[in-house]
Amino acid sequence: MFDRRVAEEILNTAAQAVSDMSFCEDKDRYLAVNGQLKPVPKRAALPQDQDVRRLRGRDSVLPVSCSAVTT
């Protein structure tokens, strides 16, 4: 479909658009890679990563502290 660099650029553009809205905040971003959600950009692990991994690619509500996850 996309190579990873192009996909990350699209995800970053979407995150910037969300951040430009005064009532929204982008807490973190994840990119689906081989069926796994990976943080973008690459960074040290955060507590919400465990919650995201438990989703196993399914849509779901995350705990309030992680509610603004863009996938």
PDB file of N, CA and C in Angstrom:
ATOM      1  N   MET A   1       0.839  -1.178   0.000  1.00  0.00           N
ATOM      2  CA  MET A   1       0.000   0.000   0.000  1.00  0.00           C
ATOM      3  C   MET A   1       0.884   1.242   0.000  1.00  0.00           C
ATOM      4  N   PHE A   2       1.420   1.666   1.142  1.00  0.00           N
ATOM      5  CA  PHE A   2       2.325   2.804   1.244  1.00  0.00           C
ATOM      6  C   PHE A   2       3.653   2.294   1.759  1.00  0.00           C
ATOM      7  N   ASP A   3       4.725   2.993   1.389  1.00  0.00           N
ATOM      8  CA  ASP A   3       5.943   2.659   2.117  1.00  0.00           C
ATOM      9  C   ASP A   3       5.869   3.398   3.448  1.00  0.00           C
ATOM     10  N   ARG A   4       6.638   2.961   4.397  1.00  0.00           N
ATOM     11  CA  ARG A   4       6.509   3.483   5.761  1.00  0.00           C
ATOM     12  C   ARG A   4       6.725   4.997   5.824  1.00  0.00           C
ATOM     13  N   ARG A   5       7.693   5.515   5.079  1.00  0.00           N
ATOM     14  CA  ARG A   5       7.971   6.955   5.136  1.00  0.00           C
ATOM     15  C   ARG A   5       6.763   7.771   4.679  1.00  0.00           C
ATOM     16  N   VAL A   6       6.138   7.347   3.572  1.00  0.00           N
ATOM     17  CA  VAL A   6       4.953   8.050   3.071  1.00  0.00           C
ATOM     18  C   VAL A   6       3.811   7.938   4.080  1.00  0.00           C
ATOM     19  N   ALA A   7       3.620   6.765   4.646  1.00  0.00           N
ATOM     20  CA  ALA A   7       2.561   6.573   5.640  1.00  0.00           C
ATOM     21  C   ALA A   7       2.783   7.462   6.861  1.00  0.00           C
ATOM     22  N   GLU A   8       4.035   7.574   7.311  1.00  0.00           N
ATOM     23  CA  GLU A   8       4.338   8.441   8.458  1.00  0.00           C
ATOM     24  C   GLU A   8       4.076   9.899   8.120  1.00  0.00           C
ATOM     25  N   GLU A   9       4.377  10.320   6.896  1.00  0.00           N
ATOM     26  CA  GLU A   9       4.107  11.703   6.487  1.00  0.00           C
ATOM     27  C   GLU A   9       2.601  11.982   6.510  1.00  0.00           C
ATOM     28  N   ILE A  10       1.808  11.038   6.028  1.00  0.00           N
ATOM     29  CA  ILE A  10       0.348  11.200   6.035  1.00  0.00           C
ATOM     30  C   ILE A  10      -0.165  11.273   7.469  1.00  0.00           C
ATOM     31  N   LEU A  11       0.324  10.385   8.320  1.00  0.00           N
ATOM     32  CA  LEU A  11      -0.085  10.374   9.726  1.00  0.00           C
ATOM     33  C   LEU A  11       0.305  11.678  10.417  1.00  0.00           C
ATOM     34  N   ASN A  12       1.502  12.178  10.158  1.00  0.00           N
ATOM     35  CA  ASN A  12       1.950  13.434  10.757  1.00  0.00           C
ATOM     36  C   ASN A  12       1.123  14.622  10.266  1.00  0.00           C
ATOM     37  N   THR A  13       0.747  14.623   8.988  1.00  0.00           N
ATOM     38  CA  THR A  13      -0.104  15.689   8.453  1.00  0.00           C
ATOM     39  C   THR A  13      -1.471  15.670   9.137  1.00  0.00           C
ATOM     40  N   ALA A  14      -2.033  14.475   9.314  1.00  0.00           N
ATOM     41  CA  ALA A  14      -3.323  14.352  10.003  1.00  0.00           C
ATOM     42  C   ALA A  14      -3.219  14.817  11.452  1.00  0.00           C
ATOM     43  N   ALA A  15      -2.134  14.444  12.123  1.00  0.00           N
ATOM     44  CA  ALA A  15      -1.941  14.854  13.518  1.00  0.00           C
ATOM     45  C   ALA A  15      -1.801  16.369  13.620  1.00  0.00           C
ATOM     46  N   GLN A  16      -1.131  16.984  12.664  1.00  0.00           N
ATOM     47  CA  GLN A  16      -0.992  18.444  12.676  1.00  0.00           C
ATOM     48  C   GLN A  16      -2.349  19.110  12.486  1.00  0.00           C
ATOM     49  N   ALA A  17      -3.174  18.560  11.610  1.00  0.00           N
ATOM     50  CA  ALA A  17      -4.511  19.113  11.390  1.00  0.00           C
ATOM     51  C   ALA A  17      -5.350  19.031  12.669  1.00  0.00           C
ATOM     52  N   VAL A  18      -5.233  17.931  13.399  1.00  0.00           N
ATOM     53  CA  VAL A  18      -5.953  17.782  14.669  1.00  0.00           C
ATOM     54  C   VAL A  18      -5.440  18.806  15.672  1.00  0.00           C
ATOM     55  N   SER A  19      -4.127  18.970  15.749  1.00  0.00           N
ATOM     56  CA  SER A  19      -3.531  19.915  16.702  1.00  0.00           C
ATOM     57  C   SER A  19      -3.906  21.361  16.386  1.00  0.00           C
ATOM     58  N   ASP A  20      -4.171  21.648  15.106  1.00  0.00           N
ATOM     59  CA  ASP A  20      -4.542  23.010  14.717  1.00  0.00           C
ATOM     60  C   ASP A  20      -5.937  23.396  15.191  1.00  0.00           C
ATOM     61  N   MET A  21      -6.759  22.418  15.545  1.00  0.00           N
ATOM     62  CA  MET A  21      -8.095  22.713  16.066  1.00  0.00           C
ATOM     63  C   MET A  21      -7.961  23.052  17.547  1.00  0.00           C
ATOM     64  N   SER A  22      -8.532  24.151  17.942  1.00  0.00           N
ATOM     65  CA  SER A  22      -8.343  24.635  19.310  1.00  0.00           C
ATOM     66  C   SER A  22      -8.932  23.703  20.369  1.00  0.00           C
ATOM     67  N   PHE A  23      -9.878  22.871  20.013  1.00  0.00           N
ATOM     68  CA  PHE A  23     -10.532  22.009  20.991  1.00  0.00           C
ATOM     69  C   PHE A  23     -10.002  20.576  20.988  1.00  0.00           C
ATOM     70  N   CYS A  24      -8.953  20.301  20.195  1.00  0.00           N
ATOM     71  CA  CYS A  24      -8.414  18.940  20.107  1.00  0.00           C
ATOM     72  C   CYS A  24      -6.924  18.927  20.436  1.00  0.00           C
ATOM     73  N   GLU A  25      -6.484  17.766  20.875  1.00  0.00           N
ATOM     74  CA  GLU A  25      -5.073  17.589  21.184  1.00  0.00           C
ATOM     75  C   GLU A  25      -4.658  16.185  20.753  1.00  0.00           C
ATOM     76  N   ASP A  26      -3.544  16.100  20.062  1.00  0.00           N
ATOM     77  CA  ASP A  26      -2.999  14.819  19.641  1.00  0.00           C
ATOM     78  C   ASP A  26      -2.035  14.349  20.727  1.00  0.00           C
ATOM     79  N   LYS A  27      -2.420  13.279  21.436  1.00  0.00           N
ATOM     80  CA  LYS A  27      -1.584  12.770  22.521  1.00  0.00           C
ATOM     81  C   LYS A  27      -0.477  11.865  22.003  1.00  0.00           C
ATOM     82  N   ASP A  28      -0.780  11.063  20.987  1.00  0.00           N
ATOM     83  CA  ASP A  28       0.202  10.128  20.452  1.00  0.00           C
ATOM     84  C   ASP A  28      -0.291   9.612  19.114  1.00  0.00           C
ATOM     85  N   ARG A  29       0.620   9.004  18.353  1.00  0.00           N
ATOM     86  CA  ARG A  29       0.276   8.469  17.038  1.00  0.00           C
ATOM     87  C   ARG A  29       0.847   7.070  16.906  1.00  0.00           C
ATOM     88  N   TYR A  30       0.081   6.220  16.222  1.00  0.00           N
ATOM     89  CA  TYR A  30       0.515   4.847  15.976  1.00  0.00           C
ATOM     90  C   TYR A  30       0.266   4.526  14.507  1.00  0.00           C
ATOM     91  N   LEU A  31       1.165   3.770  13.937  1.00  0.00           N
ATOM     92  CA  LEU A  31       1.061   3.339  12.553  1.00  0.00           C
ATOM     93  C   LEU A  31       0.951   1.816  12.538  1.00  0.00           C
ATOM     94  N   ALA A  32       0.005   1.282  11.772  1.00  0.00           N
ATOM     95  CA  ALA A  32      -0.137  -0.174  11.655  1.00  0.00           C
ATOM     96  C   ALA A  32       0.967  -0.704  10.747  1.00  0.00           C
ATOM     97  N   VAL A  33       1.827  -1.563  11.309  1.00  0.00           N
ATOM     98  CA  VAL A  33       2.929  -2.171  10.573  1.00  0.00           C
ATOM     99  C   VAL A  33       2.847  -3.680  10.783  1.00  0.00           C
ATOM    100  N   ASN A  34       2.590  -4.402   9.695  1.00  0.00           N
ATOM    101  CA  ASN A  34       2.469  -5.870   9.772  1.00  0.00           C
ATOM    102  C   ASN A  34       1.495  -6.312  10.868  1.00  0.00           C
ATOM    103  N   GLY A  35       0.364  -5.626  10.956  1.00  0.00           N
ATOM    104  CA  GLY A  35      -0.656  -6.003  11.921  1.00  0.00           C
ATOM    105  C   GLY A  35      -0.416  -5.523  13.345  1.00  0.00           C
ATOM    106  N   GLN A  36       0.665  -4.808  13.585  1.00  0.00           N
ATOM    107  CA  GLN A  36       0.975  -4.290  14.928  1.00  0.00           C
ATOM    108  C   GLN A  36       0.964  -2.767  14.886  1.00  0.00           C
ATOM    109  N   LEU A  37       0.475  -2.132  15.947  1.00  0.00           N
ATOM    110  CA  LEU A  37       0.497  -0.671  16.038  1.00  0.00           C
ATOM    111  C   LEU A  37       1.829  -0.238  16.630  1.00  0.00           C
ATOM    112  N   LYS A  38       2.566   0.578  15.863  1.00  0.00           N
ATOM    113  CA  LYS A  38       3.881   1.060  16.283  1.00  0.00           C
ATOM    114  C   LYS A  38       3.811   2.570  16.475  1.00  0.00           C
ATOM    115  N   PRO A  39       4.450   3.099  17.540  1.00  0.00           N
ATOM    116  CA  PRO A  39       4.431   4.543  17.754  1.00  0.00           C
ATOM    117  C   PRO A  39       5.189   5.279  16.653  1.00  0.00           C
ATOM    118  N   VAL A  40       4.681   6.442  16.292  1.00  0.00           N
ATOM    119  CA  VAL A  40       5.328   7.309  15.301  1.00  0.00           C
ATOM    120  C   VAL A  40       5.430   8.678  15.916  1.00  0.00           C
ATOM    121  N   PRO A  41       6.565   9.353  15.919  1.00  0.00           N
ATOM    122  CA  PRO A  41       7.849   8.773  15.525  1.00  0.00           C
ATOM    123  C   PRO A  41       8.322   7.770  16.583  1.00  0.00           C
ATOM    124  N   LYS A  42       9.341   6.995  16.212  1.00  0.00           N
ATOM    125  CA  LYS A  42       9.875   6.018  17.172  1.00  0.00           C
ATOM    126  C   LYS A  42      10.324   6.764  18.417  1.00  0.00           C
ATOM    127  N   ARG A  43      10.040   6.187  19.564  1.00  0.00           N
ATOM    128  CA  ARG A  43      10.350   6.838  20.839  1.00  0.00           C
ATOM    129  C   ARG A  43      10.416   5.782  21.929  1.00  0.00           C
ATOM    130  N   ALA A  44      10.794   6.209  23.105  1.00  0.00           N
ATOM    131  CA  ALA A  44      10.809   5.302  24.257  1.00  0.00           C
ATOM    132  C   ALA A  44       9.370   4.887  24.575  1.00  0.00           C
ATOM    133  N   ALA A  45       9.215   3.719  25.149  1.00  0.00           N
ATOM    134  CA  ALA A  45       7.884   3.203  25.483  1.00  0.00           C
ATOM    135  C   ALA A  45       7.186   4.108  26.498  1.00  0.00           C
ATOM    136  N   LEU A  46       5.885   4.246  26.343  1.00  0.00           N
ATOM    137  CA  LEU A  46       5.036   5.009  27.260  1.00  0.00           C
ATOM    138  C   LEU A  46       4.002   4.063  27.866  1.00  0.00           C
ATOM    139  N   PRO A  47       3.419   4.437  29.008  1.00  0.00           N
ATOM    140  CA  PRO A  47       2.443   3.559  29.667  1.00  0.00           C
ATOM    141  C   PRO A  47       1.267   3.153  28.765  1.00  0.00           C
ATOM    142  N   GLN A  48       0.777   4.044  27.906  1.00  0.00           N
ATOM    143  CA  GLN A  48      -0.377   3.702  27.076  1.00  0.00           C
ATOM    144  C   GLN A  48      -0.033   2.698  25.979  1.00  0.00           C
ATOM    145  N   ASP A  49       1.238   2.485  25.688  1.00  0.00           N
ATOM    146  CA  ASP A  49       1.609   1.517  24.661  1.00  0.00           C
ATOM    147  C   ASP A  49       1.096   0.118  25.000  1.00  0.00           C
ATOM    148  N   GLN A  50       1.100  -0.226  26.256  1.00  0.00           N
ATOM    149  CA  GLN A  50       0.604  -1.544  26.667  1.00  0.00           C
ATOM    150  C   GLN A  50      -0.890  -1.658  26.359  1.00  0.00           C
ATOM    151  N   ASP A  51      -1.645  -0.597  26.624  1.00  0.00           N
ATOM    152  CA  ASP A  51      -3.075  -0.601  26.313  1.00  0.00           C
ATOM    153  C   ASP A  51      -3.301  -0.737  24.810  1.00  0.00           C
ATOM    154  N   VAL A  52      -2.505  -0.037  24.024  1.00  0.00           N
ATOM    155  CA  VAL A  52      -2.636  -0.093  22.568  1.00  0.00           C
ATOM    156  C   VAL A  52      -2.299  -1.488  22.055  1.00  0.00           C
ATOM    157  N   ARG A  53      -1.250  -2.113  22.581  1.00  0.00           N
ATOM    158  CA  ARG A  53      -0.887  -3.470  22.163  1.00  0.00           C
ATOM    159  C   ARG A  53      -2.011  -4.464  22.446  1.00  0.00           C
ATOM    160  N   ARG A  54      -2.713  -4.276  23.564  1.00  0.00           N
ATOM    161  CA  ARG A  54      -3.816  -5.175  23.920  1.00  0.00           C
ATOM    162  C   ARG A  54      -4.973  -5.109  22.923  1.00  0.00           C
ATOM    163  N   LEU A  55      -5.076  -4.017  22.176  1.00  0.00           N
ATOM    164  CA  LEU A  55      -6.148  -3.887  21.189  1.00  0.00           C
ATOM    165  C   LEU A  55      -5.979  -4.879  20.041  1.00  0.00           C
ATOM    166  N   ARG A  56      -4.748  -5.256  19.753  1.00  0.00           N
ATOM    167  CA  ARG A  56      -4.438  -6.194  18.656  1.00  0.00           C
ATOM    168  C   ARG A  56      -5.112  -5.772  17.355  1.00  0.00           C
ATOM    169  N   GLY A  57      -5.045  -4.468  17.056  1.00  0.00           N
ATOM    170  CA  GLY A  57      -5.572  -3.955  15.803  1.00  0.00           C
ATOM    171  C   GLY A  57      -7.061  -3.678  15.787  1.00  0.00           C
ATOM    172  N   ARG A  58      -7.756  -3.973  16.880  1.00  0.00           N
ATOM    173  CA  ARG A  58      -9.202  -3.739  16.947  1.00  0.00           C
ATOM    174  C   ARG A  58      -9.473  -2.298  17.389  1.00  0.00           C
ATOM    175  N   ASP A  59     -10.591  -1.752  16.952  1.00  0.00           N
ATOM    176  CA  ASP A  59     -11.043  -0.460  17.458  1.00  0.00           C
ATOM    177  C   ASP A  59     -11.589  -0.666  18.850  1.00  0.00           C
ATOM    178  N   SER A  60     -11.305   0.266  19.740  1.00  0.00           N
ATOM    179  CA  SER A  60     -11.804   0.166  21.102  1.00  0.00           C
ATOM    180  C   SER A  60     -11.595   1.486  21.813  1.00  0.00           C
ATOM    181  N   VAL A  61     -12.252   1.626  22.930  1.00  0.00           N
ATOM    182  CA  VAL A  61     -12.055   2.790  23.790  1.00  0.00           C
ATOM    183  C   VAL A  61     -10.870   2.489  24.698  1.00  0.00           C
ATOM    184  N   LEU A  62      -9.980   3.456  24.842  1.00  0.00           N
ATOM    185  CA  LEU A  62      -8.845   3.315  25.751  1.00  0.00           C
ATOM    186  C   LEU A  62      -9.154   4.060  27.037  1.00  0.00           C
ATOM    187  N   PRO A  63      -8.415   3.773  28.100  1.00  0.00           N
ATOM    188  CA  PRO A  63      -8.609   4.512  29.352  1.00  0.00           C
ATOM    189  C   PRO A  63      -8.535   6.025  29.096  1.00  0.00           C
ATOM    190  N   VAL A  64      -9.164   6.804  29.940  1.00  0.00           N
ATOM    191  CA  VAL A  64      -9.242   8.260  29.765  1.00  0.00           C
ATOM    192  C   VAL A  64      -7.876   8.878  29.525  1.00  0.00           C
ATOM    193  N   SER A  65      -6.846   8.431  30.216  1.00  0.00           N
ATOM    194  CA  SER A  65      -5.516   9.019  30.059  1.00  0.00           C
ATOM    195  C   SER A  65      -4.958   8.781  28.665  1.00  0.00           C
ATOM    196  N   CYS A  66      -5.538   7.850  27.898  1.00  0.00           N
ATOM    197  CA  CYS A  66      -5.042   7.515  26.565  1.00  0.00           C
ATOM    198  C   CYS A  66      -6.129   7.712  25.505  1.00  0.00           C
ATOM    199  N   SER A  67      -7.105   8.538  25.758  1.00  0.00           N
ATOM    200  CA  SER A  67      -8.266   8.604  24.878  1.00  0.00           C
ATOM    201  C   SER A  67      -8.007   9.262  23.528  1.00  0.00           C
ATOM    202  N   ALA A  68      -6.929   9.995  23.373  1.00  0.00           N
ATOM    203  CA  ALA A  68      -6.685  10.691  22.099  1.00  0.00           C
ATOM    204  C   ALA A  68      -5.573  10.008  21.319  1.00  0.00           C
ATOM    205  N   VAL A  69      -5.818   8.784  20.925  1.00  0.00           N
ATOM    206  CA  VAL A  69      -4.834   8.028  20.156  1.00  0.00           C
ATOM    207  C   VAL A  69      -5.254   8.019  18.707  1.00  0.00           C
ATOM    208  N   THR A  70      -4.378   8.441  17.811  1.00  0.00           N
ATOM    209  CA  THR A  70      -4.639   8.441  16.383  1.00  0.00           C
ATOM    210  C   THR A  70      -4.022   7.189  15.787  1.00  0.00           C
ATOM    211  N   THR A  71      -4.854   6.390  15.136  1.00  0.00           N
ATOM    212  CA  THR A  71      -4.318   5.193  14.480  1.00  0.00           C
ATOM    213  C   THR A  71      -4.623   5.231  13.006  1.00  0.00           C
TER     214      THR A  71
END
